[in-house]
Amino acid sequence: MTSRERVIAAIEFKGPDRVPIHHAVFPGALWRHGQKLVELLNEHYPDDFGSRISIPPEPKSDELLVRYTDEWGSECVLIYGFTTGEVKKHAIEVLF
């Protein structure tokens, strides 16, 4: 089963061969474990939604806030050294 078929089967409750994988890796984990973590996720456990993991740039020592844009276009801000941050601009705007 391809990744696309797996995701569609899961959405339609048609019993995919396994649960689709989507990685949500904190920047701090990527900074700490580097290329080994990137290779493990991209090569051995690829994301079924088409995302590829890459290491975000580390901030300069005088930068307290880290700003980055992920592959979907979401803009995030986090405090250096912390593993989670706040999404400032979502890839898909929700209208309520």
PDB file of N, CA and C in Angstrom:
ATOM      1  N   MET A   1       0.855  -1.177   0.000  1.00  0.00           N
ATOM      2  CA  MET A   1       0.000   0.000   0.000  1.00  0.00           C
ATOM      3  C   MET A   1       0.898   1.236   0.000  1.00  0.00           C
ATOM      4  N   THR A   2       0.617   2.184  -0.895  1.00  0.00           N
ATOM      5  CA  THR A   2       1.398   3.422  -0.920  1.00  0.00           C
ATOM      6  C   THR A   2       0.955   4.333   0.219  1.00  0.00           C
ATOM      7  N   SER A   3       1.753   5.352   0.493  1.00  0.00           N
ATOM      8  CA  SER A   3       1.392   6.316   1.538  1.00  0.00           C
ATOM      9  C   SER A   3       0.051   6.966   1.234  1.00  0.00           C
ATOM     10  N   ARG A   4      -0.150   7.345  -0.018  1.00  0.00           N
ATOM     11  CA  ARG A   4      -1.406   7.989  -0.415  1.00  0.00           C
ATOM     12  C   ARG A   4      -2.583   7.052  -0.181  1.00  0.00           C
ATOM     13  N   GLU A   5      -2.459   5.811  -0.614  1.00  0.00           N
ATOM     14  CA  GLU A   5      -3.533   4.835  -0.422  1.00  0.00           C
ATOM     15  C   GLU A   5      -3.801   4.608   1.064  1.00  0.00           C
ATOM     16  N   ARG A   6      -2.741   4.560   1.857  1.00  0.00           N
ATOM     17  CA  ARG A   6      -2.855   4.338   3.296  1.00  0.00           C
ATOM     18  C   ARG A   6      -3.628   5.477   3.963  1.00  0.00           C
ATOM     19  N   VAL A   7      -3.294   6.719   3.626  1.00  0.00           N
ATOM     20  CA  VAL A   7      -3.965   7.873   4.224  1.00  0.00           C
ATOM     21  C   VAL A   7      -5.436   7.904   3.812  1.00  0.00           C
ATOM     22  N   ILE A   8      -5.714   7.675   2.542  1.00  0.00           N
ATOM     23  CA  ILE A   8      -7.107   7.685   2.065  1.00  0.00           C
ATOM     24  C   ILE A   8      -7.894   6.564   2.731  1.00  0.00           C
ATOM     25  N   ALA A   9      -7.314   5.373   2.833  1.00  0.00           N
ATOM     26  CA  ALA A   9      -7.998   4.253   3.484  1.00  0.00           C
ATOM     27  C   ALA A   9      -8.299   4.578   4.949  1.00  0.00           C
ATOM     28  N   ALA A  10      -7.374   5.240   5.628  1.00  0.00           N
ATOM     29  CA  ALA A  10      -7.592   5.610   7.028  1.00  0.00           C
ATOM     30  C   ALA A  10      -8.716   6.641   7.148  1.00  0.00           C
ATOM     31  N   ILE A  11      -8.715   7.632   6.274  1.00  0.00           N
ATOM     32  CA  ILE A  11      -9.759   8.664   6.304  1.00  0.00           C
ATOM     33  C   ILE A  11     -11.135   8.054   6.045  1.00  0.00           C
ATOM     34  N   GLU A  12     -11.174   7.095   5.128  1.00  0.00           N
ATOM     35  CA  GLU A  12     -12.441   6.463   4.753  1.00  0.00           C
ATOM     36  C   GLU A  12     -12.774   5.246   5.616  1.00  0.00           C
ATOM     37  N   PHE A  13     -11.992   4.991   6.675  1.00  0.00           N
ATOM     38  CA  PHE A  13     -12.209   3.857   7.586  1.00  0.00           C
ATOM     39  C   PHE A  13     -12.253   2.528   6.827  1.00  0.00           C
ATOM     40  N   LYS A  14     -11.334   2.350   5.868  1.00  0.00           N
ATOM     41  CA  LYS A  14     -11.301   1.138   5.052  1.00  0.00           C
ATOM     42  C   LYS A  14     -10.130   0.228   5.405  1.00  0.00           C
ATOM     43  N   GLY A  15      -9.594   0.352   6.603  1.00  0.00           N
ATOM     44  CA  GLY A  15      -8.571  -0.569   7.072  1.00  0.00           C
ATOM     45  C   GLY A  15      -7.252  -0.524   6.337  1.00  0.00           C
ATOM     46  N   PRO A  16      -6.463   0.523   6.545  1.00  0.00           N
ATOM     47  CA  PRO A  16      -5.137   0.563   5.924  1.00  0.00           C
ATOM     48  C   PRO A  16      -4.259  -0.556   6.489  1.00  0.00           C
ATOM     49  N   ASP A  17      -3.164  -0.844   5.815  1.00  0.00           N
ATOM     50  CA  ASP A  17      -2.256  -1.899   6.271  1.00  0.00           C
ATOM     51  C   ASP A  17      -1.592  -1.553   7.605  1.00  0.00           C
ATOM     52  N   ARG A  18      -1.495  -0.269   7.901  1.00  0.00           N
ATOM     53  CA  ARG A  18      -1.019   0.214   9.200  1.00  0.00           C
ATOM     54  C   ARG A  18      -1.487   1.651   9.366  1.00  0.00           C
ATOM     55  N   VAL A  19      -1.359   2.173  10.551  1.00  0.00           N
ATOM     56  CA  VAL A  19      -1.745   3.563  10.811  1.00  0.00           C
ATOM     57  C   VAL A  19      -0.769   4.480  10.080  1.00  0.00           C
ATOM     58  N   PRO A  20      -1.273   5.485   9.348  1.00  0.00           N
ATOM     59  CA  PRO A  20      -0.374   6.429   8.677  1.00  0.00           C
ATOM     60  C   PRO A  20       0.501   7.170   9.689  1.00  0.00           C
ATOM     61  N   ILE A  21       1.733   7.413   9.311  1.00  0.00           N
ATOM     62  CA  ILE A  21       2.697   8.099  10.178  1.00  0.00           C
ATOM     63  C   ILE A  21       2.797   9.562   9.769  1.00  0.00           C
ATOM     64  N   HIS A  22       2.765  10.440  10.785  1.00  0.00           N
ATOM     65  CA  HIS A  22       3.084  11.853  10.559  1.00  0.00           C
ATOM     66  C   HIS A  22       3.961  12.298  11.714  1.00  0.00           C
ATOM     67  N   HIS A  23       5.143  12.804  11.408  1.00  0.00           N
ATOM     68  CA  HIS A  23       6.091  13.211  12.441  1.00  0.00           C
ATOM     69  C   HIS A  23       5.846  14.653  12.871  1.00  0.00           C
ATOM     70  N   ALA A  24       5.902  14.855  14.162  1.00  0.00           N
ATOM     71  CA  ALA A  24       5.867  16.197  14.739  1.00  0.00           C
ATOM     72  C   ALA A  24       7.069  16.274  15.682  1.00  0.00           C
ATOM     73  N   VAL A  25       8.185  16.718  15.160  1.00  0.00           N
ATOM     74  CA  VAL A  25       9.438  16.702  15.908  1.00  0.00           C
ATOM     75  C   VAL A  25       9.753  18.101  16.411  1.00  0.00           C
ATOM     76  N   PHE A  26      10.029  18.200  17.689  1.00  0.00           N
ATOM     77  CA  PHE A  26      10.387  19.487  18.264  1.00  0.00           C
ATOM     78  C   PHE A  26      11.756  19.926  17.752  1.00  0.00           C
ATOM     79  N   PRO A  27      11.922  21.218  17.468  1.00  0.00           N
ATOM     80  CA  PRO A  27      13.230  21.705  17.011  1.00  0.00           C
ATOM     81  C   PRO A  27      14.365  21.352  17.974  1.00  0.00           C
ATOM     82  N   GLY A  28      14.094  21.384  19.274  1.00  0.00           N
ATOM     83  CA  GLY A  28      15.126  21.048  20.262  1.00  0.00           C
ATOM     84  C   GLY A  28      15.652  19.635  20.089  1.00  0.00           C
ATOM     85  N   ALA A  29      14.774  18.690  19.718  1.00  0.00           N
ATOM     86  CA  ALA A  29      15.207  17.307  19.481  1.00  0.00           C
ATOM     87  C   ALA A  29      16.110  17.242  18.253  1.00  0.00           C
ATOM     88  N   LEU A  30      15.767  18.011  17.226  1.00  0.00           N
ATOM     89  CA  LEU A  30      16.592  18.024  16.015  1.00  0.00           C
ATOM     90  C   LEU A  30      17.944  18.667  16.273  1.00  0.00           C
ATOM     91  N   TRP A  31      17.980  19.731  17.083  1.00  0.00           N
ATOM     92  CA  TRP A  31      19.252  20.369  17.409  1.00  0.00           C
ATOM     93  C   TRP A  31      20.132  19.412  18.211  1.00  0.00           C
ATOM     94  N   ARG A  32      19.506  18.665  19.124  1.00  0.00           N
ATOM     95  CA  ARG A  32      20.277  17.777  20.002  1.00  0.00           C
ATOM     96  C   ARG A  32      20.790  16.532  19.264  1.00  0.00           C
ATOM     97  N   HIS A  33      19.931  15.909  18.456  1.00  0.00           N
ATOM     98  CA  HIS A  33      20.280  14.629  17.837  1.00  0.00           C
ATOM     99  C   HIS A  33      20.707  14.752  16.380  1.00  0.00           C
ATOM    100  N   GLY A  34      20.449  15.888  15.780  1.00  0.00           N
ATOM    101  CA  GLY A  34      20.963  16.201  14.456  1.00  0.00           C
ATOM    102  C   GLY A  34      20.614  15.246  13.333  1.00  0.00           C
ATOM    103  N   GLN A  35      21.599  15.018  12.482  1.00  0.00           N
ATOM    104  CA  GLN A  35      21.402  14.262  11.254  1.00  0.00           C
ATOM    105  C   GLN A  35      20.979  12.815  11.508  1.00  0.00           C
ATOM    106  N   LYS A  36      21.389  12.224  12.619  1.00  0.00           N
ATOM    107  CA  LYS A  36      20.985  10.847  12.923  1.00  0.00           C
ATOM    108  C   LYS A  36      19.472  10.737  13.070  1.00  0.00           C
ATOM    109  N   LEU A  37      18.846  11.694  13.733  1.00  0.00           N
ATOM    110  CA  LEU A  37      17.393  11.691  13.880  1.00  0.00           C
ATOM    111  C   LEU A  37      16.721  11.946  12.540  1.00  0.00           C
ATOM    112  N   VAL A  38      17.248  12.868  11.758  1.00  0.00           N
ATOM    113  CA  VAL A  38      16.696  13.167  10.435  1.00  0.00           C
ATOM    114  C   VAL A  38      16.720  11.914   9.567  1.00  0.00           C
ATOM    115  N   GLU A  39      17.850  11.212   9.542  1.00  0.00           N
ATOM    116  CA  GLU A  39      17.968   9.992   8.734  1.00  0.00           C
ATOM    117  C   GLU A  39      17.035   8.893   9.234  1.00  0.00           C
ATOM    118  N   LEU A  40      16.919   8.728  10.547  1.00  0.00           N
ATOM    119  CA  LEU A  40      16.040   7.711  11.110  1.00  0.00           C
ATOM    120  C   LEU A  40      14.596   7.938  10.651  1.00  0.00           C
ATOM    121  N   LEU A  41      14.126   9.177  10.760  1.00  0.00           N
ATOM    122  CA  LEU A  41      12.743   9.478  10.409  1.00  0.00           C
ATOM    123  C   LEU A  41      12.510   9.475   8.903  1.00  0.00           C
ATOM    124  N   ASN A  42      13.379  10.109   8.140  1.00  0.00           N
ATOM    125  CA  ASN A  42      13.164  10.219   6.692  1.00  0.00           C
ATOM    126  C   ASN A  42      13.425   8.912   5.950  1.00  0.00           C
ATOM    127  N   GLU A  43      14.430   8.159   6.364  1.00  0.00           N
ATOM    128  CA  GLU A  43      14.814   6.964   5.614  1.00  0.00           C
ATOM    129  C   GLU A  43      14.153   5.692   6.134  1.00  0.00           C
ATOM    130  N   HIS A  44      14.056   5.540   7.453  1.00  0.00           N
ATOM    131  CA  HIS A  44      13.545   4.289   8.018  1.00  0.00           C
ATOM    132  C   HIS A  44      12.057   4.334   8.354  1.00  0.00           C
ATOM    133  N   TYR A  45      11.535   5.512   8.681  1.00  0.00           N
ATOM    134  CA  TYR A  45      10.122   5.666   9.031  1.00  0.00           C
ATOM    135  C   TYR A  45       9.553   6.885   8.309  1.00  0.00           C
ATOM    136  N   PRO A  46       9.463   6.834   6.977  1.00  0.00           N
ATOM    137  CA  PRO A  46       9.019   8.018   6.229  1.00  0.00           C
ATOM    138  C   PRO A  46       7.588   8.428   6.558  1.00  0.00           C
ATOM    139  N   ASP A  47       7.364   9.703   6.514  1.00  0.00           N
ATOM    140  CA  ASP A  47       6.072  10.312   6.798  1.00  0.00           C
ATOM    141  C   ASP A  47       5.099  10.009   5.658  1.00  0.00           C
ATOM    142  N   ASP A  48       3.934   9.477   5.987  1.00  0.00           N
ATOM    143  CA  ASP A  48       2.944   9.131   4.959  1.00  0.00           C
ATOM    144  C   ASP A  48       2.248  10.350   4.369  1.00  0.00           C
ATOM    145  N   PHE A  49       2.424  11.513   4.962  1.00  0.00           N
ATOM    146  CA  PHE A  49       1.777  12.725   4.466  1.00  0.00           C
ATOM    147  C   PHE A  49       2.715  13.551   3.593  1.00  0.00           C
ATOM    148  N   GLY A  50       3.885  13.013   3.293  1.00  0.00           N
ATOM    149  CA  GLY A  50       4.798  13.662   2.357  1.00  0.00           C
ATOM    150  C   GLY A  50       5.785  14.631   2.970  1.00  0.00           C
ATOM    151  N   SER A  51       5.751  14.823   4.278  1.00  0.00           N
ATOM    152  CA  SER A  51       6.680  15.756   4.918  1.00  0.00           C
ATOM    153  C   SER A  51       8.043  15.103   5.092  1.00  0.00           C
ATOM    154  N   ARG A  52       9.080  15.896   4.904  1.00  0.00           N
ATOM    155  CA  ARG A  52      10.433  15.435   5.188  1.00  0.00           C
ATOM    156  C   ARG A  52      10.991  16.318   6.294  1.00  0.00           C
ATOM    157  N   ILE A  53      11.648  15.691   7.229  1.00  0.00           N
ATOM    158  CA  ILE A  53      12.212  16.388   8.379  1.00  0.00           C
ATOM    159  C   ILE A  53      13.549  17.014   7.983  1.00  0.00           C
ATOM    160  N   SER A  54      13.775  18.224   8.439  1.00  0.00           N
ATOM    161  CA  SER A  54      15.079  18.870   8.275  1.00  0.00           C
ATOM    162  C   SER A  54      15.385  19.632   9.563  1.00  0.00           C
ATOM    163  N   ILE A  55      16.629  19.931   9.753  1.00  0.00           N
ATOM    164  CA  ILE A  55      17.049  20.614  10.977  1.00  0.00           C
ATOM    165  C   ILE A  55      16.874  22.117  10.798  1.00  0.00           C
ATOM    166  N   PRO A  56      16.051  22.760  11.649  1.00  0.00           N
ATOM    167  CA  PRO A  56      15.907  24.213  11.538  1.00  0.00           C
ATOM    168  C   PRO A  56      17.196  24.893  11.986  1.00  0.00           C
ATOM    169  N   PRO A  57      17.458  26.076  11.491  1.00  0.00           N
ATOM    170  CA  PRO A  57      18.688  26.759  11.890  1.00  0.00           C
ATOM    171  C   PRO A  57      18.692  27.060  13.385  1.00  0.00           C
ATOM    172  N   GLU A  58      19.840  26.835  14.007  1.00  0.00           N
ATOM    173  CA  GLU A  58      19.957  27.167  15.428  1.00  0.00           C
ATOM    174  C   GLU A  58      20.123  28.672  15.570  1.00  0.00           C
ATOM    175  N   PRO A  59      19.557  29.229  16.623  1.00  0.00           N
ATOM    176  CA  PRO A  59      19.679  30.676  16.807  1.00  0.00           C
ATOM    177  C   PRO A  59      21.088  31.059  17.225  1.00  0.00           C
ATOM    178  N   LYS A  60      21.426  32.296  16.941  1.00  0.00           N
ATOM    179  CA  LYS A  60      22.694  32.834  17.440  1.00  0.00           C
ATOM    180  C   LYS A  60      22.567  32.957  18.953  1.00  0.00           C
ATOM    181  N   SER A  61      23.663  32.963  19.636  1.00  0.00           N
ATOM    182  CA  SER A  61      23.634  32.958  21.099  1.00  0.00           C
ATOM    183  C   SER A  61      22.901  34.162  21.686  1.00  0.00           C
ATOM    184  N   ASP A  62      22.821  35.268  20.949  1.00  0.00           N
ATOM    185  CA  ASP A  62      22.150  36.447  21.480  1.00  0.00           C
ATOM    186  C   ASP A  62      20.660  36.486  21.127  1.00  0.00           C
ATOM    187  N   GLU A  63      20.187  35.483  20.390  1.00  0.00           N
ATOM    188  CA  GLU A  63      18.766  35.444  20.036  1.00  0.00           C
ATOM    189  C   GLU A  63      18.002  34.633  21.075  1.00  0.00           C
ATOM    190  N   LEU A  64      16.996  35.222  21.672  1.00  0.00           N
ATOM    191  CA  LEU A  64      16.179  34.514  22.652  1.00  0.00           C
ATOM    192  C   LEU A  64      15.024  33.796  21.968  1.00  0.00           C
ATOM    193  N   LEU A  65      14.419  34.438  20.975  1.00  0.00           N
ATOM    194  CA  LEU A  65      13.299  33.833  20.277  1.00  0.00           C
ATOM    195  C   LEU A  65      13.746  33.258  18.940  1.00  0.00           C
ATOM    196  N   VAL A  66      13.243  32.077  18.634  1.00  0.00           N
ATOM    197  CA  VAL A  66      13.535  31.427  17.363  1.00  0.00           C
ATOM    198  C   VAL A  66      12.271  31.482  16.526  1.00  0.00           C
ATOM    199  N   ARG A  67      12.376  31.979  15.318  1.00  0.00           N
ATOM    200  CA  ARG A  67      11.246  32.044  14.398  1.00  0.00           C
ATOM    201  C   ARG A  67      11.564  31.171  13.197  1.00  0.00           C
ATOM    202  N   TYR A  68      10.598  30.365  12.800  1.00  0.00           N
ATOM    203  CA  TYR A  68      10.810  29.550  11.615  1.00  0.00           C
ATOM    204  C   TYR A  68       9.472  29.255  10.943  1.00  0.00           C
ATOM    205  N   THR A  69       9.545  28.893   9.674  1.00  0.00           N
ATOM    206  CA  THR A  69       8.375  28.525   8.889  1.00  0.00           C
ATOM    207  C   THR A  69       8.542  27.075   8.482  1.00  0.00           C
ATOM    208  N   ASP A  70       7.534  26.252   8.772  1.00  0.00           N
ATOM    209  CA  ASP A  70       7.644  24.840   8.407  1.00  0.00           C
ATOM    210  C   ASP A  70       7.270  24.620   6.947  1.00  0.00           C
ATOM    211  N   GLU A  71       7.315  23.357   6.503  1.00  0.00           N
ATOM    212  CA  GLU A  71       7.083  23.051   5.096  1.00  0.00           C
ATOM    213  C   GLU A  71       5.659  23.318   4.638  1.00  0.00           C
ATOM    214  N   TRP A  72       4.734  23.513   5.576  1.00  0.00           N
ATOM    215  CA  TRP A  72       3.338  23.811   5.221  1.00  0.00           C
ATOM    216  C   TRP A  72       3.082  25.314   5.148  1.00  0.00           C
ATOM    217  N   GLY A  73       4.024  26.093   5.641  1.00  0.00           N
ATOM    218  CA  GLY A  73       3.850  27.541   5.637  1.00  0.00           C
ATOM    219  C   GLY A  73       3.418  28.106   6.979  1.00  0.00           C
ATOM    220  N   SER A  74       3.328  27.258   8.007  1.00  0.00           N
ATOM    221  CA  SER A  74       2.998  27.753   9.340  1.00  0.00           C
ATOM    222  C   SER A  74       4.208  28.490   9.907  1.00  0.00           C
ATOM    223  N   GLU A  75       3.970  29.650  10.480  1.00  0.00           N
ATOM    224  CA  GLU A  75       5.047  30.418  11.084  1.00  0.00           C
ATOM    225  C   GLU A  75       5.000  30.229  12.594  1.00  0.00           C
ATOM    226  N   CYS A  76       6.128  29.810  13.176  1.00  0.00           N
ATOM    227  CA  CYS A  76       6.180  29.483  14.594  1.00  0.00           C
ATOM    228  C   CYS A  76       7.248  30.314  15.297  1.00  0.00           C
ATOM    229  N   VAL A  77       7.050  30.497  16.600  1.00  0.00           N
ATOM    230  CA  VAL A  77       8.018  31.195  17.446  1.00  0.00           C
ATOM    231  C   VAL A  77       8.192  30.351  18.701  1.00  0.00           C
ATOM    232  N   LEU A  78       9.458  30.145  19.106  1.00  0.00           N
ATOM    233  CA  LEU A  78       9.713  29.442  20.352  1.00  0.00           C
ATOM    234  C   LEU A  78      10.894  30.076  21.057  1.00  0.00           C
ATOM    235  N   ILE A  79      10.984  29.843  22.333  1.00  0.00           N
ATOM    236  CA  ILE A  79      12.099  30.359  23.125  1.00  0.00           C
ATOM    237  C   ILE A  79      13.252  29.380  22.979  1.00  0.00           C
ATOM    238  N   TYR A  80      14.436  29.875  22.704  1.00  0.00           N
ATOM    239  CA  TYR A  80      15.602  29.029  22.488  1.00  0.00           C
ATOM    240  C   TYR A  80      15.777  28.051  23.652  1.00  0.00           C
ATOM    241  N   GLY A  81      16.005  26.792  23.303  1.00  0.00           N
ATOM    242  CA  GLY A  81      16.222  25.771  24.318  1.00  0.00           C
ATOM    243  C   GLY A  81      14.952  25.041  24.718  1.00  0.00           C
ATOM    244  N   PHE A  82      13.788  25.599  24.403  1.00  0.00           N
ATOM    245  CA  PHE A  82      12.534  24.932  24.709  1.00  0.00           C
ATOM    246  C   PHE A  82      12.147  24.063  23.524  1.00  0.00           C
ATOM    247  N   THR A  83      11.312  23.082  23.757  1.00  0.00           N
ATOM    248  CA  THR A  83      10.985  22.142  22.696  1.00  0.00           C
ATOM    249  C   THR A  83       9.678  22.440  21.990  1.00  0.00           C
ATOM    250  N   THR A  84       8.907  23.346  22.510  1.00  0.00           N
ATOM    251  CA  THR A  84       7.652  23.684  21.853  1.00  0.00           C
ATOM    252  C   THR A  84       7.503  25.195  21.799  1.00  0.00           C
ATOM    253  N   GLY A  85       6.710  25.641  20.890  1.00  0.00           N
ATOM    254  CA  GLY A  85       6.522  27.079  20.721  1.00  0.00           C
ATOM    255  C   GLY A  85       5.065  27.398  20.442  1.00  0.00           C
ATOM    256  N   GLU A  86       4.855  28.506  19.780  1.00  0.00           N
ATOM    257  CA  GLU A  86       3.514  28.977  19.474  1.00  0.00           C
ATOM    258  C   GLU A  86       3.412  29.252  17.977  1.00  0.00           C
ATOM    259  N   VAL A  87       2.345  28.733  17.387  1.00  0.00           N
ATOM    260  CA  VAL A  87       2.105  29.008  15.974  1.00  0.00           C
ATOM    261  C   VAL A  87       1.532  30.418  15.876  1.00  0.00           C
ATOM    262  N   LYS A  88       2.204  31.265  15.113  1.00  0.00           N
ATOM    263  CA  LYS A  88       1.763  32.653  14.948  1.00  0.00           C
ATOM    264  C   LYS A  88       0.919  32.826  13.694  1.00  0.00           C
ATOM    265  N   LYS A  89       1.191  32.021  12.679  1.00  0.00           N
ATOM    266  CA  LYS A  89       0.397  32.062  11.436  1.00  0.00           C
ATOM    267  C   LYS A  89       0.199  30.622  10.997  1.00  0.00           C
ATOM    268  N   HIS A  90      -1.058  30.203  10.936  1.00  0.00           N
ATOM    269  CA  HIS A  90      -1.374  28.834  10.552  1.00  0.00           C
ATOM    270  C   HIS A  90      -1.320  28.671   9.047  1.00  0.00           C
ATOM    271  N   ALA A  91      -0.974  27.459   8.604  1.00  0.00           N
ATOM    272  CA  ALA A  91      -0.930  27.176   7.172  1.00  0.00           C
ATOM    273  C   ALA A  91      -2.319  27.302   6.555  1.00  0.00           C
ATOM    274  N   ILE A  92      -3.329  26.872   7.301  1.00  0.00           N
ATOM    275  CA  ILE A  92      -4.719  26.986   6.830  1.00  0.00           C
ATOM    276  C   ILE A  92      -5.454  27.869   7.821  1.00  0.00           C
ATOM    277  N   GLU A  93      -5.943  28.971   7.352  1.00  0.00           N
ATOM    278  CA  GLU A  93      -6.685  29.882   8.209  1.00  0.00           C
ATOM    279  C   GLU A  93      -8.071  29.300   8.493  1.00  0.00           C
ATOM    280  N   VAL A  94      -8.454  29.281   9.740  1.00  0.00           N
ATOM    281  CA  VAL A  94      -9.766  28.765  10.134  1.00  0.00           C
ATOM    282  C   VAL A  94     -10.710  29.951  10.317  1.00  0.00           C
ATOM    283  N   LEU A  95     -11.844  29.893   9.665  1.00  0.00           N
ATOM    284  CA  LEU A  95     -12.817  30.971   9.750  1.00  0.00           C
ATOM    285  C   LEU A  95     -13.978  30.561  10.640  1.00  0.00           C
ATOM    286  N   PHE A  96     -14.209  31.321  11.672  1.00  0.00           N
ATOM    287  CA  PHE A  96     -15.350  31.081  12.566  1.00  0.00           C
ATOM    288  C   PHE A  96     -16.141  32.345  12.707  1.00  0.00           C
TER     289      PHE A  96
END
